[in-house]
Amino acid sequence: MADSHTTLPQLRPTFEAINVNLLTA
């Protein structure tokens, strides 16, 4: 998750979706 903001931007959509699901729940 930390690296999705820097060296692994391809993972960022997955973690954004996790955040949305958490906030929604």
mmCIF file of all heavy atoms, coordinates in Angstrom:
data_MODEL
# 
_entry.id   MODEL 
# 
loop_
_atom_site.group_PDB 
_atom_site.id 
_atom_site.type_symbol 
_atom_site.label_atom_id 
_atom_site.label_alt_id 
_atom_site.label_comp_id 
_atom_site.label_asym_id 
_atom_site.label_entity_id 
_atom_site.label_seq_id 
_atom_site.pdbx_PDB_ins_code 
_atom_site.Cartn_x 
_atom_site.Cartn_y 
_atom_site.Cartn_z 
_atom_site.occupancy 
_atom_site.B_iso_or_equiv 
_atom_site.pdbx_formal_charge 
_atom_site.auth_seq_id 
_atom_site.auth_comp_id 
_atom_site.auth_asym_id 
_atom_site.auth_atom_id 
_atom_site.pdbx_PDB_model_num 
ATOM 1   N N   . MET A 1 1  ? 0.827   -1.201 0.000   1.00 0.00 ? 1  MET A N   1 
ATOM 2   C CA  . MET A 1 1  ? 0.000   0.000  0.000   1.00 0.00 ? 1  MET A CA  1 
ATOM 3   C C   . MET A 1 1  ? 0.866   1.258  0.000   1.00 0.00 ? 1  MET A C   1 
ATOM 4   O O   . MET A 1 1  ? 0.585   2.212  -0.739  1.00 0.00 ? 1  MET A O   1 
ATOM 5   C CB  . MET A 1 1  ? -0.930  0.013  1.212   1.00 0.00 ? 1  MET A CB  1 
ATOM 6   C CG  . MET A 1 1  ? -1.848  1.231  1.268   1.00 0.00 ? 1  MET A CG  1 
ATOM 7   S SD  . MET A 1 1  ? -3.199  1.054  2.464   1.00 0.00 ? 1  MET A SD  1 
ATOM 8   C CE  . MET A 1 1  ? -2.281  0.785  3.982   1.00 0.00 ? 1  MET A CE  1 
ATOM 9   N N   . ALA A 1 2  ? 1.922   1.272  0.807   1.00 0.00 ? 2  ALA A N   1 
ATOM 10  C CA  . ALA A 1 2  ? 2.815   2.426  0.845   1.00 0.00 ? 2  ALA A CA  1 
ATOM 11  C C   . ALA A 1 2  ? 3.503   2.640  -0.505  1.00 0.00 ? 2  ALA A C   1 
ATOM 12  O O   . ALA A 1 2  ? 3.591   3.766  -1.005  1.00 0.00 ? 2  ALA A O   1 
ATOM 13  C CB  . ALA A 1 2  ? 3.862   2.245  1.948   1.00 0.00 ? 2  ALA A CB  1 
ATOM 14  N N   . ASP A 1 3  ? 3.946   1.556  -1.124  1.00 0.00 ? 3  ASP A N   1 
ATOM 15  C CA  . ASP A 1 3  ? 4.662   1.664  -2.396  1.00 0.00 ? 3  ASP A CA  1 
ATOM 16  C C   . ASP A 1 3  ? 3.729   1.962  -3.570  1.00 0.00 ? 3  ASP A C   1 
ATOM 17  O O   . ASP A 1 3  ? 4.195   2.371  -4.640  1.00 0.00 ? 3  ASP A O   1 
ATOM 18  C CB  . ASP A 1 3  ? 5.451   0.378  -2.667  1.00 0.00 ? 3  ASP A CB  1 
ATOM 19  C CG  . ASP A 1 3  ? 6.659   0.247  -1.760  1.00 0.00 ? 3  ASP A CG  1 
ATOM 20  O OD1 . ASP A 1 3  ? 7.040   1.256  -1.133  1.00 0.00 ? 3  ASP A OD1 1 
ATOM 21  O OD2 . ASP A 1 3  ? 7.213   -0.865 -1.660  1.00 0.00 ? 3  ASP A OD2 1 
ATOM 22  N N   . SER A 1 4  ? 2.424   1.764  -3.384  1.00 0.00 ? 4  SER A N   1 
ATOM 23  C CA  . SER A 1 4  ? 1.482   2.091  -4.459  1.00 0.00 ? 4  SER A CA  1 
ATOM 24  C C   . SER A 1 4  ? 1.449   3.592  -4.732  1.00 0.00 ? 4  SER A C   1 
ATOM 25  O O   . SER A 1 4  ? 0.994   4.030  -5.792  1.00 0.00 ? 4  SER A O   1 
ATOM 26  C CB  . SER A 1 4  ? 0.079   1.591  -4.112  1.00 0.00 ? 4  SER A CB  1 
ATOM 27  O OG  . SER A 1 4  ? -0.515  2.369  -3.085  1.00 0.00 ? 4  SER A OG  1 
ATOM 28  N N   . HIS A 1 5  ? 1.963   4.383  -3.788  1.00 0.00 ? 5  HIS A N   1 
ATOM 29  C CA  . HIS A 1 5  ? 2.020   5.836  -3.973  1.00 0.00 ? 5  HIS A CA  1 
ATOM 30  C C   . HIS A 1 5  ? 3.333   6.288  -4.594  1.00 0.00 ? 5  HIS A C   1 
ATOM 31  O O   . HIS A 1 5  ? 3.481   7.462  -4.943  1.00 0.00 ? 5  HIS A O   1 
ATOM 32  C CB  . HIS A 1 5  ? 1.831   6.545  -2.624  1.00 0.00 ? 5  HIS A CB  1 
ATOM 33  C CG  . HIS A 1 5  ? 0.487   6.325  -2.007  1.00 0.00 ? 5  HIS A CG  1 
ATOM 34  N ND1 . HIS A 1 5  ? -0.640  6.986  -2.410  1.00 0.00 ? 5  HIS A ND1 1 
ATOM 35  C CD2 . HIS A 1 5  ? 0.093   5.481  -1.031  1.00 0.00 ? 5  HIS A CD2 1 
ATOM 36  C CE1 . HIS A 1 5  ? -1.681  6.583  -1.704  1.00 0.00 ? 5  HIS A CE1 1 
ATOM 37  N NE2 . HIS A 1 5  ? -1.265  5.668  -0.865  1.00 0.00 ? 5  HIS A NE2 1 
ATOM 38  N N   . THR A 1 6  ? 4.290   5.353  -4.720  1.00 0.00 ? 6  THR A N   1 
ATOM 39  C CA  . THR A 1 6  ? 5.608   5.745  -5.244  1.00 0.00 ? 6  THR A CA  1 
ATOM 40  C C   . THR A 1 6  ? 6.058   4.815  -6.368  1.00 0.00 ? 6  THR A C   1 
ATOM 41  O O   . THR A 1 6  ? 5.834   5.097  -7.535  1.00 0.00 ? 6  THR A O   1 
ATOM 42  C CB  . THR A 1 6  ? 6.645   5.735  -4.099  1.00 0.00 ? 6  THR A CB  1 
ATOM 43  O OG1 . THR A 1 6  ? 6.617   4.454  -3.439  1.00 0.00 ? 6  THR A OG1 1 
ATOM 44  C CG2 . THR A 1 6  ? 6.352   6.826  -3.080  1.00 0.00 ? 6  THR A CG2 1 
ATOM 45  N N   . THR A 1 7  ? 6.661   3.694  -6.010  1.00 0.00 ? 7  THR A N   1 
ATOM 46  C CA  . THR A 1 7  ? 7.301   2.835  -7.013  1.00 0.00 ? 7  THR A CA  1 
ATOM 47  C C   . THR A 1 7  ? 6.355   1.843  -7.685  1.00 0.00 ? 7  THR A C   1 
ATOM 48  O O   . THR A 1 7  ? 6.713   1.246  -8.691  1.00 0.00 ? 7  THR A O   1 
ATOM 49  C CB  . THR A 1 7  ? 8.456   2.036  -6.365  1.00 0.00 ? 7  THR A CB  1 
ATOM 50  O OG1 . THR A 1 7  ? 7.944   1.283  -5.252  1.00 0.00 ? 7  THR A OG1 1 
ATOM 51  C CG2 . THR A 1 7  ? 9.546   2.983  -5.879  1.00 0.00 ? 7  THR A CG2 1 
ATOM 52  N N   . LEU A 1 8  ? 5.154   1.654  -7.126  1.00 0.00 ? 8  LEU A N   1 
ATOM 53  C CA  . LEU A 1 8  ? 4.211   0.681  -7.693  1.00 0.00 ? 8  LEU A CA  1 
ATOM 54  C C   . LEU A 1 8  ? 2.848   1.333  -7.965  1.00 0.00 ? 8  LEU A C   1 
ATOM 55  O O   . LEU A 1 8  ? 1.826   0.915  -7.400  1.00 0.00 ? 8  LEU A O   1 
ATOM 56  C CB  . LEU A 1 8  ? 4.040   -0.512 -6.743  1.00 0.00 ? 8  LEU A CB  1 
ATOM 57  C CG  . LEU A 1 8  ? 5.287   -1.343 -6.432  1.00 0.00 ? 8  LEU A CG  1 
ATOM 58  C CD1 . LEU A 1 8  ? 4.981   -2.366 -5.350  1.00 0.00 ? 8  LEU A CD1 1 
ATOM 59  C CD2 . LEU A 1 8  ? 5.810   -2.026 -7.697  1.00 0.00 ? 8  LEU A CD2 1 
ATOM 60  N N   . PRO A 1 9  ? 2.817   2.349  -8.833  1.00 0.00 ? 9  PRO A N   1 
ATOM 61  C CA  . PRO A 1 9  ? 1.549   3.046  -9.084  1.00 0.00 ? 9  PRO A CA  1 
ATOM 62  C C   . PRO A 1 9  ? 0.471   2.151  -9.693  1.00 0.00 ? 9  PRO A C   1 
ATOM 63  O O   . PRO A 1 9  ? -0.715  2.456  -9.602  1.00 0.00 ? 9  PRO A O   1 
ATOM 64  C CB  . PRO A 1 9  ? 1.953   4.161  -10.049 1.00 0.00 ? 9  PRO A CB  1 
ATOM 65  C CG  . PRO A 1 9  ? 3.204   3.666  -10.718 1.00 0.00 ? 9  PRO A CG  1 
ATOM 66  C CD  . PRO A 1 9  ? 3.919   2.891  -9.662  1.00 0.00 ? 9  PRO A CD  1 
ATOM 67  N N   . GLN A 1 10 ? 0.887   1.029  -10.311 1.00 0.00 ? 10 GLN A N   1 
ATOM 68  C CA  . GLN A 1 10 ? -0.093  0.120  -10.901 1.00 0.00 ? 10 GLN A CA  1 
ATOM 69  C C   . GLN A 1 10 ? -0.999  -0.526 -9.847  1.00 0.00 ? 10 GLN A C   1 
ATOM 70  O O   . GLN A 1 10 ? -2.078  -1.034 -10.176 1.00 0.00 ? 10 GLN A O   1 
ATOM 71  C CB  . GLN A 1 10 ? 0.609   -0.965 -11.727 1.00 0.00 ? 10 GLN A CB  1 
ATOM 72  C CG  . GLN A 1 10 ? 1.433   -1.964 -10.941 1.00 0.00 ? 10 GLN A CG  1 
ATOM 73  C CD  . GLN A 1 10 ? 2.877   -1.519 -10.728 1.00 0.00 ? 10 GLN A CD  1 
ATOM 74  O OE1 . GLN A 1 10 ? 3.175   -0.327 -10.687 1.00 0.00 ? 10 GLN A OE1 1 
ATOM 75  N NE2 . GLN A 1 10 ? 3.782   -2.483 -10.593 1.00 0.00 ? 10 GLN A NE2 1 
ATOM 76  N N   . LEU A 1 11 ? -0.560  -0.500 -8.587  1.00 0.00 ? 11 LEU A N   1 
ATOM 77  C CA  . LEU A 1 11 ? -1.364  -1.083 -7.520  1.00 0.00 ? 11 LEU A CA  1 
ATOM 78  C C   . LEU A 1 11 ? -2.328  -0.071 -6.893  1.00 0.00 ? 11 LEU A C   1 
ATOM 79  O O   . LEU A 1 11 ? -3.212  -0.450 -6.121  1.00 0.00 ? 11 LEU A O   1 
ATOM 80  C CB  . LEU A 1 11 ? -0.458  -1.646 -6.418  1.00 0.00 ? 11 LEU A CB  1 
ATOM 81  C CG  . LEU A 1 11 ? 0.540   -2.729 -6.822  1.00 0.00 ? 11 LEU A CG  1 
ATOM 82  C CD1 . LEU A 1 11 ? 1.305   -3.206 -5.594  1.00 0.00 ? 11 LEU A CD1 1 
ATOM 83  C CD2 . LEU A 1 11 ? -0.156  -3.901 -7.501  1.00 0.00 ? 11 LEU A CD2 1 
ATOM 84  N N   . ARG A 1 12 ? -2.141  1.185  -7.226  1.00 0.00 ? 12 ARG A N   1 
ATOM 85  C CA  . ARG A 1 12 ? -2.925  2.225  -6.549  1.00 0.00 ? 12 ARG A CA  1 
ATOM 86  C C   . ARG A 1 12 ? -4.439  2.059  -6.728  1.00 0.00 ? 12 ARG A C   1 
ATOM 87  O O   . ARG A 1 12 ? -5.192  2.239  -5.749  1.00 0.00 ? 12 ARG A O   1 
ATOM 88  C CB  . ARG A 1 12 ? -2.483  3.606  -7.019  1.00 0.00 ? 12 ARG A CB  1 
ATOM 89  C CG  . ARG A 1 12 ? -3.144  4.734  -6.237  1.00 0.00 ? 12 ARG A CG  1 
ATOM 90  C CD  . ARG A 1 12 ? -2.473  6.058  -6.457  1.00 0.00 ? 12 ARG A CD  1 
ATOM 91  N NE  . ARG A 1 12 ? -3.096  7.100  -5.655  1.00 0.00 ? 12 ARG A NE  1 
ATOM 92  C CZ  . ARG A 1 12 ? -2.644  8.337  -5.567  1.00 0.00 ? 12 ARG A CZ  1 
ATOM 93  N NH1 . ARG A 1 12 ? -1.544  8.677  -6.217  1.00 0.00 ? 12 ARG A NH1 1 
ATOM 94  N NH2 . ARG A 1 12 ? -3.278  9.218  -4.828  1.00 0.00 ? 12 ARG A NH2 1 
ATOM 95  N N   . PRO A 1 13 ? -4.944  1.731  -7.922  1.00 0.00 ? 13 PRO A N   1 
ATOM 96  C CA  . PRO A 1 13 ? -6.403  1.559  -8.056  1.00 0.00 ? 13 PRO A CA  1 
ATOM 97  C C   . PRO A 1 13 ? -6.978  0.514  -7.107  1.00 0.00 ? 13 PRO A C   1 
ATOM 98  O O   . PRO A 1 13 ? -8.086  0.676  -6.598  1.00 0.00 ? 13 PRO A O   1 
ATOM 99  C CB  . PRO A 1 13 ? -6.574  1.138  -9.519  1.00 0.00 ? 13 PRO A CB  1 
ATOM 100 C CG  . PRO A 1 13 ? -5.392  1.725  -10.223 1.00 0.00 ? 13 PRO A CG  1 
ATOM 101 C CD  . PRO A 1 13 ? -4.269  1.601  -9.234  1.00 0.00 ? 13 PRO A CD  1 
ATOM 102 N N   . THR A 1 14 ? -6.216  -0.549 -6.852  1.00 0.00 ? 14 THR A N   1 
ATOM 103 C CA  . THR A 1 14 ? -6.697  -1.585 -5.938  1.00 0.00 ? 14 THR A CA  1 
ATOM 104 C C   . THR A 1 14 ? -6.833  -1.039 -4.527  1.00 0.00 ? 14 THR A C   1 
ATOM 105 O O   . THR A 1 14 ? -7.836  -1.282 -3.841  1.00 0.00 ? 14 THR A O   1 
ATOM 106 C CB  . THR A 1 14 ? -5.733  -2.783 -5.926  1.00 0.00 ? 14 THR A CB  1 
ATOM 107 O OG1 . THR A 1 14 ? -5.676  -3.350 -7.238  1.00 0.00 ? 14 THR A OG1 1 
ATOM 108 C CG2 . THR A 1 14 ? -6.196  -3.849 -4.941  1.00 0.00 ? 14 THR A CG2 1 
ATOM 109 N N   . PHE A 1 15 ? -5.839  -0.279 -4.081  1.00 0.00 ? 15 PHE A N   1 
ATOM 110 C CA  . PHE A 1 15 ? -5.900  0.262  -2.725  1.00 0.00 ? 15 PHE A CA  1 
ATOM 111 C C   . PHE A 1 15 ? -6.921  1.394  -2.610  1.00 0.00 ? 15 PHE A C   1 
ATOM 112 O O   . PHE A 1 15 ? -7.537  1.572  -1.554  1.00 0.00 ? 15 PHE A O   1 
ATOM 113 C CB  . PHE A 1 15 ? -4.511  0.712  -2.271  1.00 0.00 ? 15 PHE A CB  1 
ATOM 114 C CG  . PHE A 1 15 ? -3.599  -0.440 -1.966  1.00 0.00 ? 15 PHE A CG  1 
ATOM 115 C CD1 . PHE A 1 15 ? -2.576  -0.790 -2.826  1.00 0.00 ? 15 PHE A CD1 1 
ATOM 116 C CD2 . PHE A 1 15 ? -3.794  -1.206 -0.831  1.00 0.00 ? 15 PHE A CD2 1 
ATOM 117 C CE1 . PHE A 1 15 ? -1.748  -1.867 -2.556  1.00 0.00 ? 15 PHE A CE1 1 
ATOM 118 C CE2 . PHE A 1 15 ? -2.972  -2.289 -0.549  1.00 0.00 ? 15 PHE A CE2 1 
ATOM 119 C CZ  . PHE A 1 15 ? -1.948  -2.618 -1.411  1.00 0.00 ? 15 PHE A CZ  1 
ATOM 120 N N   . GLU A 1 16 ? -7.115  2.146  -3.677  1.00 0.00 ? 16 GLU A N   1 
ATOM 121 C CA  . GLU A 1 16 ? -8.176  3.154  -3.664  1.00 0.00 ? 16 GLU A CA  1 
ATOM 122 C C   . GLU A 1 16 ? -9.535  2.477  -3.510  1.00 0.00 ? 16 GLU A C   1 
ATOM 123 O O   . GLU A 1 16 ? -10.402 2.964  -2.771  1.00 0.00 ? 16 GLU A O   1 
ATOM 124 C CB  . GLU A 1 16 ? -8.130  3.984  -4.946  1.00 0.00 ? 16 GLU A CB  1 
ATOM 125 C CG  . GLU A 1 16 ? -6.975  4.976  -4.985  1.00 0.00 ? 16 GLU A CG  1 
ATOM 126 C CD  . GLU A 1 16 ? -6.971  5.810  -6.258  1.00 0.00 ? 16 GLU A CD  1 
ATOM 127 O OE1 . GLU A 1 16 ? -7.738  5.484  -7.187  1.00 0.00 ? 16 GLU A OE1 1 
ATOM 128 O OE2 . GLU A 1 16 ? -6.203  6.786  -6.318  1.00 0.00 ? 16 GLU A OE2 1 
ATOM 129 N N   . ALA A 1 17 ? -9.708  1.346  -4.199  1.00 0.00 ? 17 ALA A N   1 
ATOM 130 C CA  . ALA A 1 17 ? -10.966 0.602  -4.093  1.00 0.00 ? 17 ALA A CA  1 
ATOM 131 C C   . ALA A 1 17 ? -11.164 0.071  -2.673  1.00 0.00 ? 17 ALA A C   1 
ATOM 132 O O   . ALA A 1 17 ? -12.283 0.069  -2.146  1.00 0.00 ? 17 ALA A O   1 
ATOM 133 C CB  . ALA A 1 17 ? -10.980 -0.543 -5.095  1.00 0.00 ? 17 ALA A CB  1 
ATOM 134 N N   . ILE A 1 18 ? -10.084 -0.368 -2.022  1.00 0.00 ? 18 ILE A N   1 
ATOM 135 C CA  . ILE A 1 18 ? -10.163 -0.828 -0.642  1.00 0.00 ? 18 ILE A CA  1 
ATOM 136 C C   . ILE A 1 18 ? -10.629 0.304  0.261   1.00 0.00 ? 18 ILE A C   1 
ATOM 137 O O   . ILE A 1 18 ? -11.515 0.129  1.121   1.00 0.00 ? 18 ILE A O   1 
ATOM 138 C CB  . ILE A 1 18 ? -8.797  -1.349 -0.154  1.00 0.00 ? 18 ILE A CB  1 
ATOM 139 C CG1 . ILE A 1 18 ? -8.421  -2.623 -0.892  1.00 0.00 ? 18 ILE A CG1 1 
ATOM 140 C CG2 . ILE A 1 18 ? -8.813  -1.602 1.352   1.00 0.00 ? 18 ILE A CG2 1 
ATOM 141 C CD1 . ILE A 1 18 ? -6.995  -3.062 -0.645  1.00 0.00 ? 18 ILE A CD1 1 
ATOM 142 N N   . ASN A 1 19 ? -10.044 1.496  0.074   1.00 0.00 ? 19 ASN A N   1 
ATOM 143 C CA  . ASN A 1 19 ? -10.428 2.648  0.891   1.00 0.00 ? 19 ASN A CA  1 
ATOM 144 C C   . ASN A 1 19 ? -11.896 2.997  0.699   1.00 0.00 ? 19 ASN A C   1 
ATOM 145 O O   . ASN A 1 19 ? -12.608 3.286  1.665   1.00 0.00 ? 19 ASN A O   1 
ATOM 146 C CB  . ASN A 1 19 ? -9.551  3.855  0.541   1.00 0.00 ? 19 ASN A CB  1 
ATOM 147 C CG  . ASN A 1 19 ? -8.124  3.684  1.026   1.00 0.00 ? 19 ASN A CG  1 
ATOM 148 O OD1 . ASN A 1 19 ? -7.858  2.928  1.949   1.00 0.00 ? 19 ASN A OD1 1 
ATOM 149 N ND2 . ASN A 1 19 ? -7.201  4.391  0.394   1.00 0.00 ? 19 ASN A ND2 1 
ATOM 150 N N   . VAL A 1 20 ? -12.339 2.975  -0.542  1.00 0.00 ? 20 VAL A N   1 
ATOM 151 C CA  . VAL A 1 20 ? -13.750 3.275  -0.822  1.00 0.00 ? 20 VAL A CA  1 
ATOM 152 C C   . VAL A 1 20 ? -14.656 2.268  -0.121  1.00 0.00 ? 20 VAL A C   1 
ATOM 153 O O   . VAL A 1 20 ? -15.669 2.636  0.493   1.00 0.00 ? 20 VAL A O   1 
ATOM 154 C CB  . VAL A 1 20 ? -14.015 3.280  -2.341  1.00 0.00 ? 20 VAL A CB  1 
ATOM 155 C CG1 . VAL A 1 20 ? -15.517 3.337  -2.620  1.00 0.00 ? 20 VAL A CG1 1 
ATOM 156 C CG2 . VAL A 1 20 ? -13.321 4.465  -3.002  1.00 0.00 ? 20 VAL A CG2 1 
ATOM 157 N N   . ASN A 1 21 ? -14.296 0.992  -0.192  1.00 0.00 ? 21 ASN A N   1 
ATOM 158 C CA  . ASN A 1 21 ? -15.101 -0.042 0.451   1.00 0.00 ? 21 ASN A CA  1 
ATOM 159 C C   . ASN A 1 21 ? -15.140 0.128  1.964   1.00 0.00 ? 21 ASN A C   1 
ATOM 160 O O   . ASN A 1 21 ? -16.191 -0.048 2.599   1.00 0.00 ? 21 ASN A O   1 
ATOM 161 C CB  . ASN A 1 21 ? -14.563 -1.431 0.101   1.00 0.00 ? 21 ASN A CB  1 
ATOM 162 C CG  . ASN A 1 21 ? -14.819 -1.813 -1.342  1.00 0.00 ? 21 ASN A CG  1 
ATOM 163 O OD1 . ASN A 1 21 ? -15.684 -1.247 -2.000  1.00 0.00 ? 21 ASN A OD1 1 
ATOM 164 N ND2 . ASN A 1 21 ? -14.060 -2.764 -1.851  1.00 0.00 ? 21 ASN A ND2 1 
ATOM 165 N N   . LEU A 1 22 ? -13.994 0.471  2.549   1.00 0.00 ? 22 LEU A N   1 
ATOM 166 C CA  . LEU A 1 22 ? -13.942 0.690  3.988   1.00 0.00 ? 22 LEU A CA  1 
ATOM 167 C C   . LEU A 1 22 ? -14.809 1.876  4.399   1.00 0.00 ? 22 LEU A C   1 
ATOM 168 O O   . LEU A 1 22 ? -15.617 1.779  5.335   1.00 0.00 ? 22 LEU A O   1 
ATOM 169 C CB  . LEU A 1 22 ? -12.496 0.927  4.428   1.00 0.00 ? 22 LEU A CB  1 
ATOM 170 C CG  . LEU A 1 22 ? -11.574 -0.271 4.525   1.00 0.00 ? 22 LEU A CG  1 
ATOM 171 C CD1 . LEU A 1 22 ? -10.153 0.172  4.810   1.00 0.00 ? 22 LEU A CD1 1 
ATOM 172 C CD2 . LEU A 1 22 ? -12.045 -1.230 5.607   1.00 0.00 ? 22 LEU A CD2 1 
ATOM 173 N N   . LEU A 1 23 ? -14.632 2.986  3.705   1.00 0.00 ? 23 LEU A N   1 
ATOM 174 C CA  . LEU A 1 23 ? -15.397 4.192  4.039   1.00 0.00 ? 23 LEU A CA  1 
ATOM 175 C C   . LEU A 1 23 ? -16.893 3.964  3.871   1.00 0.00 ? 23 LEU A C   1 
ATOM 176 O O   . LEU A 1 23 ? -17.701 4.410  4.691   1.00 0.00 ? 23 LEU A O   1 
ATOM 177 C CB  . LEU A 1 23 ? -14.923 5.367  3.171   1.00 0.00 ? 23 LEU A CB  1 
ATOM 178 C CG  . LEU A 1 23 ? -13.498 5.857  3.438   1.00 0.00 ? 23 LEU A CG  1 
ATOM 179 C CD1 . LEU A 1 23 ? -13.040 6.809  2.334   1.00 0.00 ? 23 LEU A CD1 1 
ATOM 180 C CD2 . LEU A 1 23 ? -13.408 6.545  4.797   1.00 0.00 ? 23 LEU A CD2 1 
ATOM 181 N N   . THR A 1 24 ? -17.249 3.260  2.808   1.00 0.00 ? 24 THR A N   1 
ATOM 182 C CA  . THR A 1 24 ? -18.660 2.964  2.554   1.00 0.00 ? 24 THR A CA  1 
ATOM 183 C C   . THR A 1 24 ? -19.241 2.078  3.644   1.00 0.00 ? 24 THR A C   1 
ATOM 184 O O   . THR A 1 24 ? -20.360 2.307  4.130   1.00 0.00 ? 24 THR A O   1 
ATOM 185 C CB  . THR A 1 24 ? -18.835 2.288  1.182   1.00 0.00 ? 24 THR A CB  1 
ATOM 186 O OG1 . THR A 1 24 ? -18.352 3.166  0.158   1.00 0.00 ? 24 THR A OG1 1 
ATOM 187 C CG2 . THR A 1 24 ? -20.294 1.967  0.913   1.00 0.00 ? 24 THR A CG2 1 
ATOM 188 N N   . ALA A 1 25 ? -18.492 1.052  4.051   1.00 0.00 ? 25 ALA A N   1 
ATOM 189 C CA  . ALA A 1 25 ? -18.963 0.127  5.085   1.00 0.00 ? 25 ALA A CA  1 
ATOM 190 C C   . ALA A 1 25 ? -19.141 0.841  6.417   1.00 0.00 ? 25 ALA A C   1 
ATOM 191 O O   . ALA A 1 25 ? -20.119 0.600  7.143   1.00 0.00 ? 25 ALA A O   1 
ATOM 192 C CB  . ALA A 1 25 ? -17.983 -1.036 5.238   1.00 0.00 ? 25 ALA A CB  1 
# 
